[in-house]
């Protein structure tokens, strides 16, 4: 008797193919998304800014926390259609620390970069939008002095694969391999690329999901 095709498996593969094709510049789903933990409840000024209303203007979440920076970031975000602001409730809060090893065996501890802006990008080698963003990150790295900016890319892929990819793409910033679960909001990333802009005081300045072009990323970095 001829075996009947497994319609369920065919449907799943079809859905995955369609998802990859329509992902576009808005980002890709992570390879193995886990259920995100509940974020810590904002307190004090953060809670007042966030207001607990998802429909609110995302940049209202940082009112009173970033001062004039809010207006500068608003102007940058306005008109952008390749990314969307995300994790607004974390803006203005200290980024949780982490220590991860790059493909060359160097350890990068986020808190050790106080005094510099840090851009932490969650990405993978298989995500089309992540690959499109690579040249923009390289341009950003070249356009801002190393004394002022650190760019870190985090992926759950193996160090060997990332090292090969970095060589092929001539990547000029560290690629970190991480199989561990970092603290929120890093652990809550569901779509890639997601870029966390951390200011010189270690606070989240902006989080963007999707493609952030080099000139836009540089403008965000330069906001004080």
N, C-alpha and C. Protein backbone atom coordinates (compact mmCIF):
# COMPACT_ATOMS: atom_id res chain seq x y z
N UNK A 1 0.85 -1.20 0.00
CA UNK A 1 0.00 0.00 0.00
C UNK A 1 0.88 1.24 0.00
N UNK A 2 0.57 2.21 -0.86
CA UNK A 2 1.36 3.42 -0.95
C UNK A 2 1.11 4.30 0.26
N UNK A 3 2.23 4.76 0.89
CA UNK A 3 2.09 5.58 2.09
C UNK A 3 1.48 6.92 1.74
N UNK A 4 0.56 7.40 2.56
CA UNK A 4 -0.07 8.70 2.36
C UNK A 4 0.86 9.78 2.86
N UNK A 5 1.01 10.89 2.17
CA UNK A 5 1.89 11.98 2.62
C UNK A 5 1.36 12.59 3.91
N UNK A 6 2.25 13.00 4.72
CA UNK A 6 1.89 13.64 5.98
C UNK A 6 1.51 15.09 5.70
N UNK A 7 0.21 15.35 5.60
CA UNK A 7 -0.27 16.69 5.26
C UNK A 7 0.16 17.73 6.29
N UNK A 8 0.22 17.34 7.57
CA UNK A 8 0.60 18.29 8.63
C UNK A 8 2.00 18.80 8.45
N UNK A 9 2.94 17.89 8.11
CA UNK A 9 4.34 18.30 7.93
C UNK A 9 4.47 19.20 6.71
N UNK A 10 3.75 18.83 5.58
CA UNK A 10 3.79 19.66 4.38
C UNK A 10 3.31 21.07 4.68
N UNK A 11 2.26 21.18 5.48
CA UNK A 11 1.70 22.50 5.82
C UNK A 11 2.68 23.31 6.63
N UNK A 12 3.37 22.68 7.58
CA UNK A 12 4.34 23.39 8.42
C UNK A 12 5.48 23.93 7.58
N UNK A 13 6.03 23.09 6.67
CA UNK A 13 7.14 23.55 5.82
C UNK A 13 6.69 24.69 4.92
N UNK A 14 5.45 24.63 4.42
CA UNK A 14 4.94 25.70 3.57
C UNK A 14 4.85 27.00 4.33
N UNK A 15 4.36 26.92 5.59
CA UNK A 15 4.23 28.11 6.44
C UNK A 15 5.58 28.72 6.73
N UNK A 16 6.59 27.89 7.03
CA UNK A 16 7.93 28.39 7.31
C UNK A 16 8.51 29.11 6.10
N UNK A 17 8.30 28.54 4.89
CA UNK A 17 8.82 29.14 3.67
C UNK A 17 8.19 30.50 3.43
N UNK A 18 6.87 30.59 3.62
CA UNK A 18 6.16 31.86 3.42
C UNK A 18 6.65 32.90 4.42
N UNK A 19 6.88 32.47 5.69
CA UNK A 19 7.35 33.40 6.72
C UNK A 19 8.69 34.00 6.36
N UNK A 20 9.62 33.16 5.85
CA UNK A 20 10.95 33.66 5.46
C UNK A 20 10.85 34.64 4.30
N UNK A 21 9.93 34.37 3.35
CA UNK A 21 9.82 35.21 2.17
C UNK A 21 9.23 36.57 2.48
N UNK A 22 8.30 36.63 3.45
CA UNK A 22 7.63 37.90 3.74
C UNK A 22 8.24 38.62 4.92
N UNK A 23 9.28 38.05 5.54
CA UNK A 23 9.89 38.69 6.72
C UNK A 23 10.35 40.09 6.41
N UNK A 24 11.03 40.24 5.26
CA UNK A 24 11.43 41.56 4.79
C UNK A 24 12.26 42.31 5.80
N UNK A 25 12.20 43.62 5.71
CA UNK A 25 13.02 44.47 6.55
C UNK A 25 12.52 44.56 7.96
N UNK A 26 11.32 44.08 8.25
CA UNK A 26 10.78 44.19 9.60
C UNK A 26 11.39 43.18 10.55
N UNK A 27 12.22 42.25 10.05
CA UNK A 27 12.91 41.32 10.93
C UNK A 27 12.41 39.90 10.80
N UNK A 28 13.18 39.00 11.40
CA UNK A 28 12.86 37.58 11.33
C UNK A 28 12.58 37.07 12.73
N UNK A 29 11.78 35.99 12.82
CA UNK A 29 11.59 35.37 14.11
C UNK A 29 12.85 34.65 14.54
N UNK A 30 13.10 34.55 15.83
CA UNK A 30 14.27 33.83 16.29
C UNK A 30 14.14 32.35 15.97
N UNK A 31 15.28 31.66 15.95
CA UNK A 31 15.30 30.26 15.53
C UNK A 31 14.50 29.38 16.47
N UNK A 32 14.69 29.57 17.75
CA UNK A 32 13.97 28.78 18.73
C UNK A 32 13.42 29.71 19.80
N UNK A 33 12.34 30.47 19.50
CA UNK A 33 11.84 31.43 20.46
C UNK A 33 11.30 30.75 21.70
N UNK A 34 11.67 31.29 22.83
CA UNK A 34 11.16 30.79 24.10
C UNK A 34 10.10 31.75 24.60
N UNK A 35 9.21 31.26 25.43
CA UNK A 35 8.20 32.14 26.00
C UNK A 35 8.88 33.19 26.83
N UNK A 36 8.67 34.50 26.51
CA UNK A 36 9.40 35.53 27.23
C UNK A 36 8.96 35.63 28.67
N UNK A 37 9.91 35.80 29.62
CA UNK A 37 9.53 36.00 31.00
C UNK A 37 8.88 37.34 31.17
N UNK A 38 8.09 37.50 32.22
CA UNK A 38 7.46 38.77 32.48
C UNK A 38 8.52 39.79 32.82
N UNK A 39 8.45 41.00 32.23
CA UNK A 39 9.44 42.02 32.58
C UNK A 39 9.27 42.48 34.00
N UNK A 40 10.35 42.97 34.61
CA UNK A 40 10.24 43.53 35.94
C UNK A 40 9.28 44.69 35.90
N UNK A 41 8.49 44.83 36.94
CA UNK A 41 7.52 45.91 36.98
C UNK A 41 8.23 47.23 37.13
N UNK A 42 8.02 48.17 36.19
CA UNK A 42 8.68 49.47 36.31
C UNK A 42 8.26 50.16 37.58
N UNK A 43 9.19 50.89 38.19
CA UNK A 43 8.89 51.59 39.42
C UNK A 43 9.23 53.05 39.27
N UNK A 44 8.74 53.86 40.21
CA UNK A 44 9.09 55.27 40.25
C UNK A 44 8.73 55.99 38.97
N UNK A 45 9.70 56.80 38.49
CA UNK A 45 9.46 57.61 37.30
C UNK A 45 9.20 56.76 36.08
N UNK A 46 9.82 55.56 36.02
CA UNK A 46 9.63 54.70 34.86
C UNK A 46 8.18 54.25 34.76
N UNK A 47 7.60 53.86 35.89
CA UNK A 47 6.21 53.42 35.89
C UNK A 47 5.30 54.56 35.50
N UNK A 48 5.59 55.75 36.02
CA UNK A 48 4.76 56.90 35.69
C UNK A 48 4.86 57.22 34.21
N UNK A 49 6.08 57.07 33.66
CA UNK A 49 6.27 57.36 32.24
C UNK A 49 5.57 56.34 31.38
N UNK A 50 5.72 55.05 31.75
CA UNK A 50 5.13 53.99 30.94
C UNK A 50 3.63 54.03 30.99
N UNK A 51 3.06 54.27 32.17
CA UNK A 51 1.62 54.44 32.29
C UNK A 51 0.84 53.17 32.12
N UNK A 52 1.50 52.05 31.78
CA UNK A 52 0.82 50.78 31.65
C UNK A 52 -0.11 50.71 30.46
N UNK A 53 0.06 51.58 29.46
CA UNK A 53 -0.84 51.57 28.32
C UNK A 53 -0.04 51.30 27.06
N UNK A 54 -0.27 50.15 26.44
CA UNK A 54 0.49 49.76 25.27
C UNK A 54 0.19 50.65 24.07
N UNK A 55 -1.00 51.26 24.02
CA UNK A 55 -1.37 52.06 22.86
C UNK A 55 -0.74 53.44 22.90
N UNK A 56 -0.07 53.77 23.96
CA UNK A 56 0.52 55.08 24.13
C UNK A 56 1.72 55.26 23.20
N UNK A 57 2.02 56.52 22.86
CA UNK A 57 3.21 56.83 22.08
C UNK A 57 4.41 56.20 22.75
N UNK A 58 5.17 55.33 22.05
CA UNK A 58 6.30 54.64 22.67
C UNK A 58 7.29 55.58 23.34
N UNK A 59 7.51 56.74 22.73
CA UNK A 59 8.51 57.65 23.29
C UNK A 59 8.02 58.35 24.54
N UNK A 60 6.72 58.28 24.84
CA UNK A 60 6.24 58.82 26.11
C UNK A 60 6.80 58.03 27.28
N UNK A 61 7.21 56.80 27.02
CA UNK A 61 7.74 55.94 28.09
C UNK A 61 9.00 56.52 28.70
N UNK A 62 9.70 57.37 27.96
CA UNK A 62 10.94 57.93 28.49
C UNK A 62 10.82 59.39 28.84
N UNK A 63 9.62 59.94 28.81
CA UNK A 63 9.44 61.33 29.19
C UNK A 63 9.92 61.54 30.62
N UNK A 64 10.70 62.56 30.82
CA UNK A 64 11.21 62.85 32.16
C UNK A 64 12.44 62.05 32.52
N UNK A 65 12.78 61.04 31.72
CA UNK A 65 13.95 60.21 32.01
C UNK A 65 15.13 60.62 31.14
N UNK A 66 14.87 60.92 29.89
CA UNK A 66 15.95 61.26 28.98
C UNK A 66 16.01 62.75 28.65
N UNK A 67 15.06 63.53 29.17
CA UNK A 67 15.10 64.97 28.96
C UNK A 67 15.04 65.33 27.50
N UNK A 68 15.93 66.24 27.09
CA UNK A 68 15.95 66.70 25.70
C UNK A 68 16.23 65.56 24.72
N UNK A 69 16.83 64.50 25.20
CA UNK A 69 17.14 63.37 24.34
C UNK A 69 15.88 62.78 23.72
N UNK A 70 14.77 62.87 24.45
CA UNK A 70 13.52 62.31 23.95
C UNK A 70 13.12 62.97 22.64
N UNK A 71 13.21 64.29 22.58
CA UNK A 71 12.83 65.00 21.37
C UNK A 71 13.77 64.67 20.22
N UNK A 72 15.05 64.53 20.53
CA UNK A 72 16.02 64.20 19.49
C UNK A 72 15.74 62.80 18.93
N UNK A 73 15.46 61.86 19.82
CA UNK A 73 15.17 60.49 19.38
C UNK A 73 13.86 60.46 18.60
N UNK A 74 12.88 61.27 19.04
CA UNK A 74 11.60 61.33 18.34
C UNK A 74 11.80 61.76 16.89
N UNK A 75 12.64 62.76 16.67
CA UNK A 75 12.89 63.24 15.31
C UNK A 75 13.56 62.16 14.46
N UNK A 76 14.43 61.37 15.10
CA UNK A 76 15.12 60.29 14.37
C UNK A 76 14.13 59.19 13.99
N UNK A 77 13.27 58.83 14.95
CA UNK A 77 12.34 57.72 14.74
C UNK A 77 11.24 58.09 13.74
N UNK A 78 10.80 59.36 13.77
CA UNK A 78 9.74 59.80 12.87
C UNK A 78 10.12 59.53 11.42
N UNK A 79 9.22 58.92 10.69
CA UNK A 79 9.45 58.68 9.28
C UNK A 79 10.22 57.41 8.97
N UNK A 80 10.72 56.73 10.01
CA UNK A 80 11.44 55.48 9.77
C UNK A 80 10.44 54.36 9.49
N UNK A 81 10.71 53.59 8.44
CA UNK A 81 9.81 52.48 8.13
C UNK A 81 10.54 51.15 8.00
N UNK A 82 11.81 51.11 8.41
CA UNK A 82 12.55 49.84 8.35
C UNK A 82 12.68 49.20 9.73
N UNK A 83 12.29 49.93 10.77
CA UNK A 83 12.32 49.35 12.11
C UNK A 83 11.20 49.95 12.93
N UNK A 84 10.92 49.31 14.05
CA UNK A 84 9.93 49.86 14.96
C UNK A 84 10.50 49.88 16.38
N UNK A 85 10.18 50.91 17.16
CA UNK A 85 10.63 50.96 18.55
C UNK A 85 10.05 49.79 19.33
N UNK A 86 10.82 49.25 20.25
CA UNK A 86 10.35 48.12 21.05
C UNK A 86 10.92 48.21 22.47
N UNK A 87 10.36 47.41 23.36
CA UNK A 87 10.78 47.37 24.76
C UNK A 87 10.80 48.78 25.37
N UNK A 88 9.79 49.56 25.07
CA UNK A 88 9.77 50.95 25.51
C UNK A 88 9.83 51.10 27.03
N UNK A 89 9.27 50.12 27.75
CA UNK A 89 9.24 50.23 29.20
C UNK A 89 10.63 50.15 29.83
N UNK A 90 11.62 49.76 29.04
CA UNK A 90 12.98 49.65 29.55
C UNK A 90 13.82 50.88 29.26
N UNK A 91 13.35 51.76 28.39
CA UNK A 91 14.14 52.92 28.04
C UNK A 91 14.39 53.79 29.27
N UNK A 92 15.62 54.23 29.43
CA UNK A 92 15.97 55.05 30.58
C UNK A 92 16.40 54.25 31.79
N UNK A 93 16.32 52.93 31.69
CA UNK A 93 16.73 52.06 32.80
C UNK A 93 18.10 51.46 32.53
N UNK A 94 18.80 51.13 33.61
CA UNK A 94 20.12 50.53 33.48
C UNK A 94 20.01 49.16 32.82
N UNK A 95 20.84 48.93 31.82
CA UNK A 95 20.85 47.64 31.14
C UNK A 95 21.45 46.57 32.04
N UNK A 96 20.84 45.39 32.13
CA UNK A 96 21.42 44.32 32.94
C UNK A 96 22.76 43.89 32.37
N UNK A 97 23.66 43.51 33.25
CA UNK A 97 25.01 43.16 32.82
C UNK A 97 25.05 41.76 32.23
N UNK A 98 26.04 41.53 31.39
CA UNK A 98 26.32 40.19 30.88
C UNK A 98 27.80 40.10 30.55
N UNK A 99 28.31 38.90 30.48
CA UNK A 99 29.70 38.65 30.08
C UNK A 99 29.68 37.48 29.10
N UNK A 100 30.01 37.75 27.84
CA UNK A 100 29.97 36.74 26.80
C UNK A 100 31.28 36.73 26.03
N UNK A 101 31.61 35.58 25.47
CA UNK A 101 32.87 35.39 24.75
C UNK A 101 32.66 35.50 23.25
N UNK A 102 33.57 36.22 22.58
CA UNK A 102 33.46 36.36 21.13
C UNK A 102 34.18 35.22 20.41
N UNK A 103 34.18 35.28 19.10
CA UNK A 103 34.74 34.19 18.30
C UNK A 103 36.26 34.09 18.41
N UNK A 104 36.90 35.11 18.98
CA UNK A 104 38.35 35.08 19.16
C UNK A 104 38.74 34.72 20.59
N UNK A 105 37.74 34.40 21.42
CA UNK A 105 38.01 34.01 22.80
C UNK A 105 38.07 35.16 23.78
N UNK A 106 37.73 36.37 23.33
CA UNK A 106 37.74 37.53 24.22
C UNK A 106 36.41 37.67 24.94
N UNK A 107 36.46 38.00 26.22
CA UNK A 107 35.25 38.17 27.02
C UNK A 107 34.82 39.64 26.99
N UNK A 108 33.54 39.85 26.75
CA UNK A 108 32.98 41.20 26.71
C UNK A 108 31.94 41.33 27.82
N UNK A 109 32.23 42.20 28.78
CA UNK A 109 31.30 42.46 29.88
C UNK A 109 30.68 43.82 29.64
N UNK A 110 29.36 43.86 29.55
CA UNK A 110 28.68 45.08 29.17
C UNK A 110 29.04 46.24 30.10
N UNK A 111 29.05 45.99 31.40
CA UNK A 111 29.31 47.07 32.36
C UNK A 111 30.71 47.63 32.25
N UNK A 112 31.63 46.90 31.63
CA UNK A 112 33.00 47.39 31.50
C UNK A 112 33.13 48.48 30.44
N UNK A 113 32.03 48.71 29.70
CA UNK A 113 32.07 49.72 28.65
C UNK A 113 31.40 51.03 29.06
N UNK A 114 31.23 51.23 30.37
CA UNK A 114 30.67 52.50 30.83
C UNK A 114 31.57 53.64 30.35
N UNK A 115 30.96 54.74 29.96
CA UNK A 115 31.70 55.84 29.38
C UNK A 115 31.67 55.82 27.86
N UNK A 116 31.18 54.71 27.29
CA UNK A 116 31.02 54.59 25.84
C UNK A 116 29.58 54.22 25.51
N UNK A 117 29.14 54.58 24.33
CA UNK A 117 27.88 54.06 23.83
C UNK A 117 28.11 52.61 23.39
N UNK A 118 27.09 51.78 23.58
CA UNK A 118 27.18 50.38 23.17
C UNK A 118 25.93 50.04 22.36
N UNK A 119 26.13 49.41 21.21
CA UNK A 119 25.02 48.90 20.42
C UNK A 119 25.09 47.38 20.46
N UNK A 120 24.09 46.77 21.07
CA UNK A 120 24.01 45.31 21.18
C UNK A 120 22.95 44.83 20.19
N UNK A 121 23.38 44.03 19.22
CA UNK A 121 22.45 43.59 18.17
C UNK A 121 22.26 42.09 18.24
N UNK A 122 21.01 41.67 18.40
CA UNK A 122 20.68 40.24 18.32
C UNK A 122 20.45 39.90 16.85
N UNK A 123 21.17 38.89 16.36
CA UNK A 123 21.06 38.53 14.95
C UNK A 123 21.48 37.07 14.77
N UNK A 124 21.31 36.57 13.55
CA UNK A 124 21.79 35.23 13.19
C UNK A 124 22.35 35.29 11.77
N UNK A 125 23.06 34.24 11.39
CA UNK A 125 23.64 34.19 10.04
C UNK A 125 22.59 33.86 8.99
N UNK A 126 21.47 33.27 9.41
CA UNK A 126 20.47 32.81 8.43
C UNK A 126 19.36 33.82 8.18
N UNK A 127 19.30 34.87 8.99
CA UNK A 127 18.23 35.87 8.86
C UNK A 127 18.56 36.86 7.74
N UNK A 128 17.74 36.98 6.69
CA UNK A 128 18.04 37.89 5.58
C UNK A 128 18.23 39.35 6.02
N UNK A 129 17.35 39.82 6.90
CA UNK A 129 17.46 41.21 7.33
C UNK A 129 18.73 41.45 8.14
N UNK A 130 19.14 40.44 8.90
CA UNK A 130 20.39 40.56 9.65
C UNK A 130 21.57 40.72 8.71
N UNK A 131 21.56 39.97 7.62
CA UNK A 131 22.63 40.07 6.63
C UNK A 131 22.64 41.44 5.95
N UNK A 132 21.45 41.98 5.72
CA UNK A 132 21.36 43.31 5.12
C UNK A 132 21.92 44.36 6.09
N UNK A 133 21.74 44.12 7.38
CA UNK A 133 22.20 45.10 8.37
C UNK A 133 23.71 45.07 8.58
N UNK A 134 24.37 43.97 8.25
CA UNK A 134 25.81 43.84 8.48
C UNK A 134 26.60 45.01 7.89
N UNK A 135 26.42 45.38 6.61
CA UNK A 135 27.18 46.52 6.07
C UNK A 135 26.93 47.83 6.83
N UNK A 136 25.71 47.99 7.33
CA UNK A 136 25.38 49.19 8.09
C UNK A 136 26.12 49.21 9.43
N UNK A 137 26.22 48.05 10.07
CA UNK A 137 26.96 47.97 11.33
C UNK A 137 28.45 48.20 11.10
N UNK A 138 28.96 47.67 10.00
CA UNK A 138 30.36 47.89 9.66
C UNK A 138 30.63 49.38 9.42
N UNK A 139 29.72 50.03 8.72
CA UNK A 139 29.87 51.47 8.45
C UNK A 139 29.78 52.26 9.75
N UNK A 140 28.86 51.87 10.63
CA UNK A 140 28.74 52.53 11.93
C UNK A 140 30.02 52.38 12.73
N UNK A 141 30.58 51.17 12.74
CA UNK A 141 31.81 50.90 13.48
C UNK A 141 32.96 51.77 12.94
N UNK A 142 33.01 51.94 11.64
CA UNK A 142 34.07 52.73 11.03
C UNK A 142 33.85 54.23 11.22
N UNK A 143 32.58 54.63 11.39
CA UNK A 143 32.25 56.05 11.43
C UNK A 143 32.31 56.70 12.79
N UNK A 144 32.45 55.90 13.84
CA UNK A 144 32.51 56.44 15.20
C UNK A 144 33.76 55.91 15.88
N UNK A 145 34.55 56.76 16.52
CA UNK A 145 35.79 56.29 17.17
C UNK A 145 35.54 55.18 18.18
N UNK A 146 36.48 54.26 18.27
CA UNK A 146 36.36 53.14 19.20
C UNK A 146 36.29 53.61 20.65
N UNK A 147 36.84 54.79 20.92
CA UNK A 147 36.79 55.33 22.28
C UNK A 147 35.40 55.79 22.66
N UNK A 148 34.50 55.90 21.68
CA UNK A 148 33.15 56.40 21.94
C UNK A 148 32.07 55.35 21.73
N UNK A 149 32.38 54.27 21.01
CA UNK A 149 31.34 53.31 20.66
C UNK A 149 31.87 51.88 20.62
N UNK A 150 31.05 50.97 21.14
CA UNK A 150 31.29 49.53 21.05
C UNK A 150 30.08 48.90 20.35
N UNK A 151 30.32 48.05 19.37
CA UNK A 151 29.25 47.32 18.69
C UNK A 151 29.44 45.84 18.99
N UNK A 152 28.40 45.20 19.51
CA UNK A 152 28.44 43.78 19.85
C UNK A 152 27.28 43.07 19.18
N UNK A 153 27.56 41.97 18.51
CA UNK A 153 26.52 41.16 17.90
C UNK A 153 26.38 39.86 18.68
N UNK A 154 25.15 39.49 19.05
CA UNK A 154 24.90 38.28 19.83
C UNK A 154 24.05 37.31 19.01
N UNK A 155 24.46 36.04 18.98
CA UNK A 155 23.71 35.00 18.29
C UNK A 155 23.75 33.72 19.12
N UNK A 156 22.73 32.89 18.96
CA UNK A 156 22.72 31.61 19.66
C UNK A 156 23.40 30.51 18.84
N UNK A 157 24.05 30.91 17.75
CA UNK A 157 24.75 29.94 16.90
C UNK A 157 26.15 29.67 17.44
N UNK A 158 26.79 28.62 16.94
CA UNK A 158 28.11 28.23 17.45
C UNK A 158 29.17 29.26 17.10
N UNK A 159 30.21 29.31 17.94
CA UNK A 159 31.31 30.24 17.71
C UNK A 159 32.01 29.94 16.39
N UNK A 160 32.13 28.65 16.03
CA UNK A 160 32.79 28.27 14.79
C UNK A 160 32.03 28.81 13.58
N UNK A 161 30.71 28.69 13.59
CA UNK A 161 29.89 29.19 12.48
C UNK A 161 29.99 30.71 12.40
N UNK A 162 29.92 31.38 13.55
CA UNK A 162 30.00 32.83 13.56
C UNK A 162 31.35 33.33 13.07
N UNK A 163 32.41 32.62 13.45
CA UNK A 163 33.75 33.02 13.02
C UNK A 163 33.88 32.90 11.50
N UNK A 164 33.35 31.84 10.93
CA UNK A 164 33.39 31.66 9.48
C UNK A 164 32.60 32.76 8.78
N UNK A 165 31.42 33.05 9.32
CA UNK A 165 30.56 34.09 8.75
C UNK A 165 31.24 35.46 8.84
N UNK A 166 31.87 35.74 9.98
CA UNK A 166 32.55 37.02 10.17
C UNK A 166 33.67 37.20 9.16
N UNK A 167 34.37 36.11 8.86
CA UNK A 167 35.43 36.18 7.87
C UNK A 167 34.90 36.43 6.48
N UNK A 168 33.81 35.76 6.14
CA UNK A 168 33.22 35.93 4.81
C UNK A 168 32.70 37.35 4.60
N UNK A 169 32.12 37.91 5.65
CA UNK A 169 31.52 39.24 5.56
C UNK A 169 32.49 40.37 5.94
N UNK A 170 33.72 40.00 6.32
CA UNK A 170 34.72 40.97 6.76
C UNK A 170 34.17 41.87 7.86
N UNK A 171 33.56 41.24 8.84
CA UNK A 171 32.93 41.96 9.95
C UNK A 171 34.00 42.55 10.86
N UNK A 172 33.81 43.82 11.24
CA UNK A 172 34.81 44.55 12.02
C UNK A 172 34.37 44.82 13.46
N UNK A 173 33.44 44.03 13.95
CA UNK A 173 32.98 44.16 15.34
C UNK A 173 32.83 42.75 15.92
N UNK A 174 32.89 42.61 17.24
CA UNK A 174 32.83 41.28 17.86
C UNK A 174 31.49 40.58 17.66
N UNK A 175 31.56 39.28 17.39
CA UNK A 175 30.37 38.44 17.32
C UNK A 175 30.42 37.49 18.50
N UNK A 176 29.39 37.52 19.31
CA UNK A 176 29.35 36.75 20.54
C UNK A 176 28.40 35.57 20.40
N UNK A 177 28.88 34.39 20.80
CA UNK A 177 28.05 33.19 20.78
C UNK A 177 27.50 32.95 22.16
N UNK A 178 26.18 32.82 22.26
CA UNK A 178 25.55 32.64 23.58
C UNK A 178 24.42 31.62 23.52
N UNK A 179 24.55 30.58 24.30
CA UNK A 179 23.47 29.60 24.43
C UNK A 179 22.74 29.78 25.76
N UNK A 180 23.23 30.71 26.57
CA UNK A 180 22.62 30.94 27.88
C UNK A 180 21.52 32.00 27.77
N UNK A 181 20.65 32.00 28.77
CA UNK A 181 19.58 32.98 28.81
C UNK A 181 20.03 34.17 29.62
N UNK A 182 20.10 35.33 28.99
CA UNK A 182 20.48 36.54 29.68
C UNK A 182 19.26 37.12 30.40
N UNK A 183 19.50 38.15 31.19
CA UNK A 183 18.40 38.79 31.90
C UNK A 183 17.53 39.58 30.93
N UNK A 184 16.28 39.80 31.34
CA UNK A 184 15.38 40.65 30.55
C UNK A 184 15.96 42.07 30.53
N UNK A 185 15.77 42.79 29.42
CA UNK A 185 14.93 42.45 28.26
C UNK A 185 15.63 41.64 27.18
N UNK A 186 16.92 41.36 27.34
CA UNK A 186 17.63 40.59 26.31
C UNK A 186 16.96 39.23 26.10
N UNK A 187 16.50 38.63 27.18
CA UNK A 187 15.89 37.30 27.09
C UNK A 187 14.53 37.32 26.41
N UNK A 188 13.97 38.51 26.20
CA UNK A 188 12.62 38.63 25.64
C UNK A 188 12.60 38.88 24.14
N UNK A 189 13.77 38.92 23.51
CA UNK A 189 13.82 39.17 22.07
C UNK A 189 13.12 38.04 21.31
N UNK A 190 12.18 38.41 20.47
CA UNK A 190 11.45 37.42 19.68
C UNK A 190 11.66 37.60 18.18
N UNK A 191 12.12 38.77 17.77
CA UNK A 191 12.35 39.03 16.35
C UNK A 191 13.74 39.63 16.17
N UNK A 192 14.36 39.27 15.07
CA UNK A 192 15.71 39.74 14.79
C UNK A 192 15.76 40.36 13.39
N UNK A 193 16.65 41.34 13.20
CA UNK A 193 17.55 41.88 14.22
C UNK A 193 16.84 42.81 15.20
N UNK A 194 17.28 42.78 16.44
CA UNK A 194 16.85 43.74 17.45
C UNK A 194 18.09 44.41 18.00
N UNK A 195 18.09 45.74 17.97
CA UNK A 195 19.26 46.52 18.37
C UNK A 195 18.98 47.30 19.65
N UNK A 196 19.82 47.09 20.66
CA UNK A 196 19.72 47.80 21.93
C UNK A 196 20.78 48.90 21.95
N UNK A 197 20.34 50.14 22.03
CA UNK A 197 21.26 51.27 22.10
C UNK A 197 21.42 51.65 23.58
N UNK A 198 22.62 51.47 24.09
CA UNK A 198 22.92 51.74 25.51
C UNK A 198 23.82 52.96 25.58
N UNK A 199 23.46 53.93 26.44
CA UNK A 199 24.25 55.15 26.50
C UNK A 199 25.48 54.99 27.39
N UNK A 200 26.26 56.06 27.53
CA UNK A 200 27.53 55.99 28.25
C UNK A 200 27.33 55.74 29.74
N UNK A 201 26.12 55.98 30.26
CA UNK A 201 25.82 55.71 31.67
C UNK A 201 25.29 54.30 31.88
N UNK A 202 25.19 53.53 30.80
CA UNK A 202 24.71 52.16 30.91
C UNK A 202 23.21 52.03 30.84
N UNK A 203 22.51 53.09 30.40
CA UNK A 203 21.06 53.05 30.32
C UNK A 203 20.60 52.80 28.88
N UNK A 204 19.46 52.11 28.76
CA UNK A 204 18.88 51.92 27.44
C UNK A 204 18.40 53.26 26.91
N UNK A 205 18.88 53.61 25.73
CA UNK A 205 18.48 54.86 25.07
C UNK A 205 17.32 54.61 24.12
N UNK A 206 17.39 53.50 23.41
CA UNK A 206 16.39 53.12 22.43
C UNK A 206 16.58 51.65 22.10
N UNK A 207 15.47 50.96 21.80
CA UNK A 207 15.54 49.59 21.30
C UNK A 207 14.75 49.55 20.01
N UNK A 208 15.35 49.00 18.96
CA UNK A 208 14.72 48.98 17.65
C UNK A 208 14.71 47.57 17.09
N UNK A 209 13.56 47.15 16.59
CA UNK A 209 13.44 45.84 15.95
C UNK A 209 13.29 46.04 14.45
N UNK A 210 14.19 45.43 13.68
CA UNK A 210 14.20 45.60 12.25
C UNK A 210 15.52 46.21 11.80
N UNK A 211 15.58 46.65 10.57
CA UNK A 211 16.81 47.20 9.99
C UNK A 211 17.03 48.64 10.42
N UNK A 212 18.17 48.90 11.07
CA UNK A 212 18.57 50.27 11.42
C UNK A 212 19.74 50.64 10.52
N UNK A 213 19.54 51.58 9.63
CA UNK A 213 20.58 51.95 8.69
C UNK A 213 21.70 52.71 9.39
N UNK A 214 22.87 52.74 8.77
CA UNK A 214 24.07 53.28 9.40
C UNK A 214 23.91 54.72 9.84
N UNK A 215 23.35 55.58 8.98
CA UNK A 215 23.24 56.99 9.33
C UNK A 215 22.26 57.19 10.48
N UNK A 216 21.22 56.38 10.51
CA UNK A 216 20.24 56.48 11.60
C UNK A 216 20.85 55.99 12.89
N UNK A 217 21.56 54.86 12.84
CA UNK A 217 22.21 54.32 14.03
C UNK A 217 23.22 55.33 14.58
N UNK A 218 23.97 55.98 13.70
CA UNK A 218 24.95 56.96 14.15
C UNK A 218 24.27 58.14 14.83
N UNK A 219 23.15 58.58 14.26
CA UNK A 219 22.39 59.69 14.86
C UNK A 219 21.90 59.33 16.25
N UNK A 220 21.44 58.09 16.41
CA UNK A 220 20.98 57.63 17.73
C UNK A 220 22.13 57.60 18.71
N UNK A 221 23.26 57.08 18.29
CA UNK A 221 24.45 57.00 19.14
C UNK A 221 24.86 58.40 19.61
N UNK A 222 24.74 59.39 18.74
CA UNK A 222 25.22 60.72 19.04
C UNK A 222 24.26 61.53 19.90
N UNK A 223 23.05 61.00 20.15
CA UNK A 223 22.11 61.70 21.03
C UNK A 223 22.62 61.64 22.46
N UNK A 224 22.72 62.80 23.11
CA UNK A 224 23.16 62.87 24.51
C UNK A 224 22.01 63.25 25.42
